[in-house]
Protein backbone atom coordinates (compact mmCIF):
# COMPACT_ATOMS: atom_id res chain seq x y z
CA UNK A 1 -2.59 -2.30 1.18
CA UNK A 2 -1.80 1.29 2.06
CA UNK A 3 0.98 3.60 3.19
CA UNK A 4 1.44 6.45 5.61
CA UNK A 5 1.77 10.21 5.30
CA UNK A 6 4.68 11.15 3.01
CA UNK A 7 4.43 10.86 -0.77
CA UNK A 8 7.58 10.34 -2.81
CA UNK A 9 6.05 9.35 -6.13
CA UNK A 10 5.13 12.89 -7.12
CA UNK A 11 7.12 16.05 -6.51
CA UNK A 12 5.62 18.94 -4.55
CA UNK A 13 2.86 16.93 -2.93
CA UNK A 14 3.34 17.47 0.82
CA UNK A 15 1.31 15.59 3.38
CA UNK A 16 0.23 18.71 5.28
CA UNK A 17 0.53 22.50 5.21
CA UNK A 18 3.53 24.18 6.79
CA UNK A 19 2.96 25.48 10.29
CA UNK A 20 2.19 29.19 10.50
CA UNK A 21 3.46 30.31 13.88
CA UNK A 22 1.71 28.73 16.84
CA UNK A 23 -1.49 28.02 14.93
CA UNK A 24 -1.82 25.96 11.81
CA UNK A 25 -3.33 27.33 8.60
CA UNK A 26 -7.09 27.40 8.19
CA UNK A 27 -8.88 24.11 7.60
CA UNK A 28 -9.57 25.20 4.02
CA UNK A 29 -5.82 24.98 3.33
CA UNK A 30 -5.61 21.47 4.81
CA UNK A 31 -8.55 20.37 2.68
CA UNK A 32 -6.83 21.65 -0.46
CA UNK A 33 -3.76 19.56 0.41
CA UNK A 34 -5.96 16.55 1.13
CA UNK A 35 -7.78 16.98 -2.19
CA UNK A 36 -4.48 16.73 -4.08
CA UNK A 37 -3.42 13.68 -2.05
CA UNK A 38 -6.72 11.95 -2.80
CA UNK A 39 -6.30 12.58 -6.53
CA UNK A 40 -2.85 10.96 -6.34
CA UNK A 41 -4.21 7.97 -4.42
CA UNK A 42 -7.01 7.55 -6.92
CA UNK A 43 -4.64 7.74 -9.91
CA UNK A 44 -2.46 5.01 -8.37
CA UNK A 45 -5.33 2.86 -7.07
CA UNK A 46 -4.22 3.14 -3.46
CA UNK A 47 -7.15 2.23 -1.22
CA UNK A 48 -5.70 2.97 2.20
CA UNK A 49 -3.83 6.01 3.52
CA UNK A 50 -2.72 7.35 6.88
CA UNK A 51 -3.32 11.08 7.32
CA UNK A 52 -0.80 13.41 8.96
CA UNK A 53 -2.09 14.85 12.22
CA UNK A 54 -0.88 18.30 11.13
CA UNK A 55 -3.81 18.44 8.75
CA UNK A 56 -5.72 19.45 11.88
CA UNK A 57 -5.49 23.25 12.12
CA UNK A 58 -6.98 23.57 15.59
CA UNK A 59 -8.84 21.81 18.39
CA UNK A 60 -12.09 22.43 20.22
CA UNK A 61 -14.36 25.30 19.21
CA UNK A 62 -11.89 26.75 16.68
CA UNK A 63 -11.92 23.50 14.74
CA UNK A 64 -15.71 23.29 14.85
CA UNK A 65 -15.96 26.88 13.59
CA UNK A 66 -13.65 26.11 10.68
CA UNK A 67 -15.55 22.93 9.84
CA UNK A 68 -18.73 25.03 9.63
CA UNK A 69 -16.95 27.49 7.33
CA UNK A 70 -15.70 24.77 4.96
CA UNK A 71 -18.83 22.84 4.12
CA UNK A 72 -18.46 23.33 0.36
CA UNK A 73 -14.85 22.10 0.39
CA UNK A 74 -15.74 19.22 2.69
CA UNK A 75 -18.43 18.11 0.26
CA UNK A 76 -15.88 18.07 -2.56
CA UNK A 77 -13.42 16.04 -0.48
CA UNK A 78 -16.13 13.61 0.58
CA UNK A 79 -16.91 12.99 -3.08
CA UNK A 80 -13.25 12.33 -3.84
CA UNK A 81 -12.96 9.87 -0.94
CA UNK A 82 -15.99 7.99 -2.23
CA UNK A 83 -14.80 7.90 -5.84
CA UNK A 84 -11.29 6.83 -4.81
CA UNK A 85 -12.74 4.17 -2.47
CA UNK A 86 -9.96 4.95 -0.01
CA UNK A 87 -9.97 4.22 3.72
CA UNK A 88 -8.32 6.88 5.88
CA UNK A 89 -6.91 6.82 9.40
CA UNK A 90 -4.67 8.68 11.84
CA UNK A 91 -1.77 7.52 14.01
CA UNK A 92 -0.73 10.48 16.23
CA UNK A 93 2.17 8.61 17.87
CA UNK A 94 3.52 10.42 20.94
CA UNK A 95 1.23 13.47 20.84
CA UNK A 96 -1.64 11.48 22.38
CA UNK A 97 -0.73 9.63 25.59
CA UNK A 98 -3.71 8.42 27.59
CA UNK A 99 -1.44 6.77 30.16
CA UNK A 100 0.34 10.03 31.04
CA UNK A 101 1.03 10.72 34.72
CA UNK A 102 0.47 14.43 34.21
CA UNK A 103 -3.23 15.27 34.16
CA UNK A 104 -2.69 18.34 31.96
CA UNK A 105 -0.89 16.23 29.38
CA UNK A 106 -3.71 13.69 29.53
CA UNK A 107 -6.29 16.45 29.05
CA UNK A 108 -4.39 17.75 26.00
CA UNK A 109 -4.28 14.22 24.66
CA UNK A 110 -8.04 13.85 25.02
CA UNK A 111 -8.61 17.20 23.30
CA UNK A 112 -6.40 16.12 20.41
CA UNK A 113 -8.29 12.85 20.14
CA UNK A 114 -11.57 14.74 19.98
CA UNK A 115 -10.15 16.90 17.17
CA UNK A 116 -9.01 13.85 15.20
CA UNK A 117 -12.44 12.26 15.58
CA UNK A 118 -14.22 15.50 14.64
CA UNK A 119 -12.16 15.78 11.46
CA UNK A 120 -12.98 12.21 10.45
CA UNK A 121 -16.66 12.86 11.17
CA UNK A 122 -16.56 16.04 9.07
CA UNK A 123 -15.21 13.99 6.18
CA UNK A 124 -18.24 11.72 6.51
CA UNK A 125 -16.13 8.63 7.09
CA UNK A 126 -17.44 5.34 8.41
CA UNK A 127 -16.22 3.33 11.39
CA UNK A 128 -13.15 2.03 9.54
CA UNK A 129 -11.63 5.55 9.83
CA UNK A 130 -9.82 5.16 13.15
CA UNK A 131 -7.17 6.80 15.29
CA UNK A 132 -4.45 4.30 16.20
CA UNK A 133 -2.86 4.76 19.63
CA UNK A 134 -0.13 3.18 21.72
CA UNK A 135 -0.59 2.74 25.46
CA UNK A 136 2.17 5.30 26.14
CA UNK A 137 4.80 5.48 28.83
CA UNK A 138 5.47 2.94 31.56
CA UNK A 139 6.51 5.45 34.26
CA UNK A 140 8.11 2.62 36.28
CA UNK A 141 4.72 0.97 36.76
CA UNK A 142 3.23 -0.69 33.65
CA UNK A 143 0.12 -1.95 35.45
CA UNK A 144 -0.76 1.55 36.64
CA UNK A 145 -0.13 2.88 33.14
CA UNK A 146 -2.53 0.33 31.75
CA UNK A 147 -5.12 1.34 34.34
CA UNK A 148 -4.78 5.03 33.42
CA UNK A 149 -5.20 4.21 29.73
CA UNK A 150 -8.36 2.23 30.43
CA UNK A 151 -9.82 4.91 32.71
CA UNK A 152 -9.24 7.72 30.23
CA UNK A 153 -10.33 5.70 27.23
CA UNK A 154 -13.60 4.82 28.94
CA UNK A 155 -14.15 8.50 29.84
CA UNK A 156 -13.90 9.67 26.22
CA UNK A 157 -17.11 10.79 24.51
CA UNK A 158 -18.72 7.89 22.67
CA UNK A 159 -18.19 9.54 19.27
CA UNK A 160 -14.46 9.69 20.01
CA UNK A 161 -14.15 6.29 21.68
CA UNK A 162 -15.58 4.46 18.66
CA UNK A 163 -12.73 5.89 16.55
CA UNK A 164 -9.92 4.78 18.88
CA UNK A 165 -7.99 1.54 18.38
CA UNK A 166 -4.90 0.30 20.22
CA UNK A 167 -1.63 -1.17 18.94
CA UNK A 168 1.11 -2.98 20.82
CA UNK A 169 4.57 -1.40 20.70
CA UNK A 170 8.15 -2.61 20.44
CA UNK A 171 9.56 -1.59 23.83
CA UNK A 172 6.95 -1.39 26.60
CA UNK A 173 3.57 -2.98 25.95
CA UNK A 174 3.40 -6.31 24.13
CA UNK A 175 0.46 -8.08 22.57
CA UNK A 176 -0.35 -9.66 25.94
CA UNK A 177 -0.54 -6.20 27.51
CA UNK A 178 -2.94 -4.75 24.94
CA UNK A 179 -4.92 -7.99 25.07
CA UNK A 180 -5.43 -7.39 28.80
CA UNK A 181 -6.50 -3.80 28.10
CA UNK A 182 -9.00 -4.98 25.48
CA UNK A 183 -10.42 -7.54 27.89
CA UNK A 184 -11.18 -4.73 30.34
CA UNK A 185 -12.26 -1.95 27.98
CA UNK A 186 -13.26 -3.47 24.64
CA UNK A 187 -10.91 -1.22 22.64
CA UNK A 188 -10.18 -2.83 19.23
CA UNK A 189 -6.61 -3.97 18.62
CA UNK A 190 -4.24 -3.44 15.71
CA UNK A 191 -1.67 -6.20 15.17
CA UNK A 192 1.82 -4.98 14.24
CA UNK A 193 4.06 -7.69 12.79
CA UNK A 194 7.44 -6.14 13.59
CA UNK A 195 6.44 -5.13 17.11
CA UNK A 196 5.33 -8.68 17.77
CA UNK A 197 8.66 -10.01 16.51
CA UNK A 198 10.74 -7.78 18.78
CA UNK A 199 8.51 -7.71 21.89
CA UNK A 200 6.71 -10.94 22.68
CA UNK A 201 7.99 -12.15 26.05
CA UNK A 202 5.00 -14.45 26.48
CA UNK A 203 5.84 -16.25 23.24
CA UNK A 204 2.35 -15.91 21.77
CA UNK A 205 2.34 -17.38 18.23
CA UNK A 206 1.86 -14.71 15.56
CA UNK A 207 -1.23 -16.33 14.03
CA UNK A 208 -2.87 -16.63 17.44
CA UNK A 209 -2.17 -12.96 18.25
CA UNK A 210 -3.32 -11.83 14.80
CA UNK A 211 -6.55 -13.84 15.04
CA UNK A 212 -7.29 -12.37 18.46
CA UNK A 213 -6.70 -8.79 17.27
CA UNK A 214 -8.96 -9.28 14.25
CA UNK A 215 -11.71 -10.63 16.50
CA UNK A 216 -11.75 -7.44 18.60
CA UNK A 217 -13.10 -5.24 15.80
CA UNK A 218 -16.84 -4.57 15.45
CA UNK A 219 -18.76 -6.76 13.04
CA UNK A 220 -18.72 -5.30 9.54
CA UNK A 221 -15.67 -3.10 10.13
CA UNK A 222 -12.48 -4.09 8.29
CA UNK A 223 -9.62 -4.47 10.80
CA UNK A 224 -6.19 -2.95 10.22
CA UNK A 225 -2.81 -4.65 10.48
CA UNK A 226 0.61 -2.98 10.36
CA UNK A 227 3.33 -4.72 8.37
CA UNK A 228 6.99 -3.77 8.05
CA UNK A 229 10.38 -5.33 7.53
CA UNK A 230 13.23 -4.50 9.92
CA UNK A 231 15.99 -2.25 8.73
CA UNK A 232 19.11 -4.35 8.21
CA UNK A 233 21.84 -2.15 6.75
CA UNK A 234 24.79 -0.61 8.57
CA UNK A 235 24.96 3.18 8.71
CA UNK A 236 27.88 5.53 9.10
CA UNK A 237 27.79 8.11 11.88
CA UNK A 238 29.61 11.28 10.91
CA UNK A 239 33.14 11.69 9.61
CA UNK A 240 34.86 9.68 12.34
CA UNK A 241 34.10 6.34 10.70
CA UNK A 242 31.79 5.04 13.42
CA UNK A 243 29.24 2.46 12.35
CA UNK A 244 25.70 2.06 13.65
CA UNK A 245 24.44 -1.49 13.72
CA UNK A 246 20.76 -2.14 12.92
CA UNK A 247 18.40 -2.11 15.90
CA UNK A 248 15.72 -4.36 14.28
CA UNK A 249 13.00 -2.05 15.58
CA UNK A 250 13.51 0.43 12.74
CA UNK A 251 11.43 0.15 9.59
CA UNK A 252 13.23 -0.75 6.37
CA UNK A 253 12.95 1.45 3.31
CA UNK A 254 10.94 -1.23 1.50
CA UNK A 255 9.04 -4.38 2.41
CA UNK A 256 10.75 -7.75 2.06
CA UNK A 257 8.33 -9.51 -0.32
CA UNK A 258 9.17 -12.98 0.94
CA UNK A 259 8.39 -12.01 4.54
CA UNK A 260 5.12 -10.49 3.35
CA UNK A 261 4.20 -13.60 1.35
CA UNK A 262 4.89 -15.85 4.36
CA UNK A 263 2.82 -13.59 6.59
CA UNK A 264 -0.15 -13.62 4.23
CA UNK A 265 0.03 -17.38 3.85
CA UNK A 266 0.13 -17.70 7.64
CA UNK A 267 -3.00 -15.52 7.84
CA UNK A 268 -4.94 -17.53 5.27
CA UNK A 269 -8.35 -18.56 6.62
CA UNK A 270 -8.62 -15.61 9.01
CA UNK A 271 -11.06 -12.73 8.44
CA UNK A 272 -10.06 -10.18 5.79
CA UNK A 273 -8.05 -7.16 6.93
CA UNK A 274 -6.33 -4.06 5.55
CA UNK A 275 -2.53 -3.86 5.66
CA UNK A 276 -0.79 -0.58 6.43
CA UNK A 277 2.77 -0.86 5.12
CA UNK A 278 5.15 0.96 7.44
CA UNK A 279 8.19 1.53 5.23
CA UNK A 280 10.40 4.57 4.88
CA UNK A 281 9.88 4.64 1.10
CA UNK A 282 6.12 5.06 1.72
CA UNK A 283 4.17 4.94 -1.56
CA UNK A 284 7.24 3.75 -3.49
CA UNK A 285 7.51 0.78 -1.13
CA UNK A 286 3.88 -0.08 -1.85
CA UNK A 287 4.41 0.11 -5.61
CA UNK A 288 7.56 -2.02 -5.33
CA UNK A 289 5.74 -4.66 -3.28
CA UNK A 290 3.00 -4.82 -5.89
CA UNK A 291 5.63 -5.52 -8.54
CA UNK A 292 7.35 -8.12 -6.35
CA UNK A 293 4.12 -9.95 -5.61
CA UNK A 294 3.24 -10.05 -9.30
CA UNK A 295 6.61 -11.74 -9.91
CA UNK A 296 7.01 -14.02 -6.90
CA UNK A 297 3.42 -14.73 -5.81
CA UNK A 298 1.04 -13.92 -8.68
CA UNK A 299 -1.90 -15.71 -7.06
CA UNK A 300 -1.49 -13.61 -3.92
CA UNK A 301 -1.06 -10.47 -6.03
CA UNK A 302 -4.56 -11.04 -7.36
CA UNK A 303 -5.95 -11.10 -3.82
CA UNK A 304 -4.24 -8.03 -2.36
CA UNK A 305 -4.12 -4.53 -3.77
């Protein structure tokens, strides 16, 4: 099990350097931040972590130049990754949209993808270090959006394409949509539990969808699954007393352990996979789930970590 980006369990441990004007700080600064994060992950036996895209200081030739200048630091970080036995990934959300109508936006997206892949390569990471994407916008024509995603994915350099995986979302493209994209392009699929709950118009059973997604990954590469509980509490909006009802698409602060236990029991017998916990409490949610599993499902707690 792993968590994404922000760290709450230790003060003054940001996930990325602050932006410095238009350009980010030098790669050496990002590597210093990453070194401290890796030490925290190792101390807490966290084996999976999602990197913030702002660790990337540049794209294209500038990034390659900085990688060449940071070989000593990169070697140190590679050693930490190996000793911590941690698997790393990216999820750039809306900054990378391969289905974009605008060709300039699509070109920027491809350049960003190349930078993400180059950073993972510089860290010496294996094929489990992926960049998770969504299809992107619908633009009033979901079939055309799917076609643009496939076309641009297939046009990526091979070194970039092998890092890219695709996840269904909660508003536009369901499991059936990304299944169709995989059938055409071969892109591996990430199964997201909450997205499947809120967007599954075809009524595909969760175990069937999960099994299919796991089968799309290359042999020998551990697939990734996203797990979250929906946010359930009411929230006040300002001083006027208005109340916001839960939308069910929002992630809860922590993971409901009973939902997680049921999910893992449902998945029993399928190939092994990593679980990225998407919870607003980040690392604290992971630590809490470990405690809950030890109390409510000790046998399962021995299997997952």
